[in-house]
């Protein structure tokens, strides 16, 4: 893409998001479609069962790179040295495994998928509109947290601390790539499969169990910090903690995992477009 066109498009995306964010922040809030009095079923599995599922999640995360490399070499021979292809295979294995474990836990609990995923009586249209409004309302705050964190890292570096931030490698690949197939595949993984798998693990499973067993405050903080740590990016640590807090609060307010999934999807789409047009 022409550099001037890329910059113009990126600036248009930023300006549009800022404009709609300001409108959403200062406009009268839309009426929430969720009933705050609707009971939220407890995730009442035993601590031992919870730790067992957590261990399975860790195993998937640890062994996904090995399985991804093996399957990629089997399906696409000749790509043994292609780090991007290997990473795509590992990520798809990991995301699929995480979702499968959470869904199996839901099945063992005896819930139907519909009752687990959604707040009864709220349509997909209302979920989409509510999540979109929340995203536009909070995107300026997310920007401010990102700027604050960048300032903190700069101050620490000026004091002699080795905190040079490095962006996530996948983000760097997206920013540097001119391959349409690669960008499409990465777009699907970043915008669709990542929000689904991460929200199922960190909000629907981890946050909900910790909230029921201990307290909402502990669950909020622990799940959000772990969410940021597992992204392994000093460059984005505080913004990711804030995102985790925000997503957990949205889940707490709505009792509907579709809402944080869509919010996460909107945020990742926004970030993905920025990486492409403002590398």
Foldseek 3Di string as FASTA:
>chain_A
DPLVVLQVVLVVLVVVLLVLQVCLQPDDHDDQPFDQPDDQDALPDDPVVLVVLVVQLVVLLVCLLVVLLVVCCVVPPPCNPPPLSSVLSSLVSNLVSLVVSLVVSCVVSPDDPDSLAFRPPADPVSLLVNLVSVLSNCVVVLVVQLVVLVVVLVVCVVVPDPLPWDDQPLLVCLLPDPDPVSLVSVLCVQQPSVLVSLLSPLASRQLRNCCNVPNNVVSLQVSQQVQLVVSVTSSCRRSSSVLSNVLNVVCSRRVHSSSSSSNSNVVSVSSSSCSHSPD
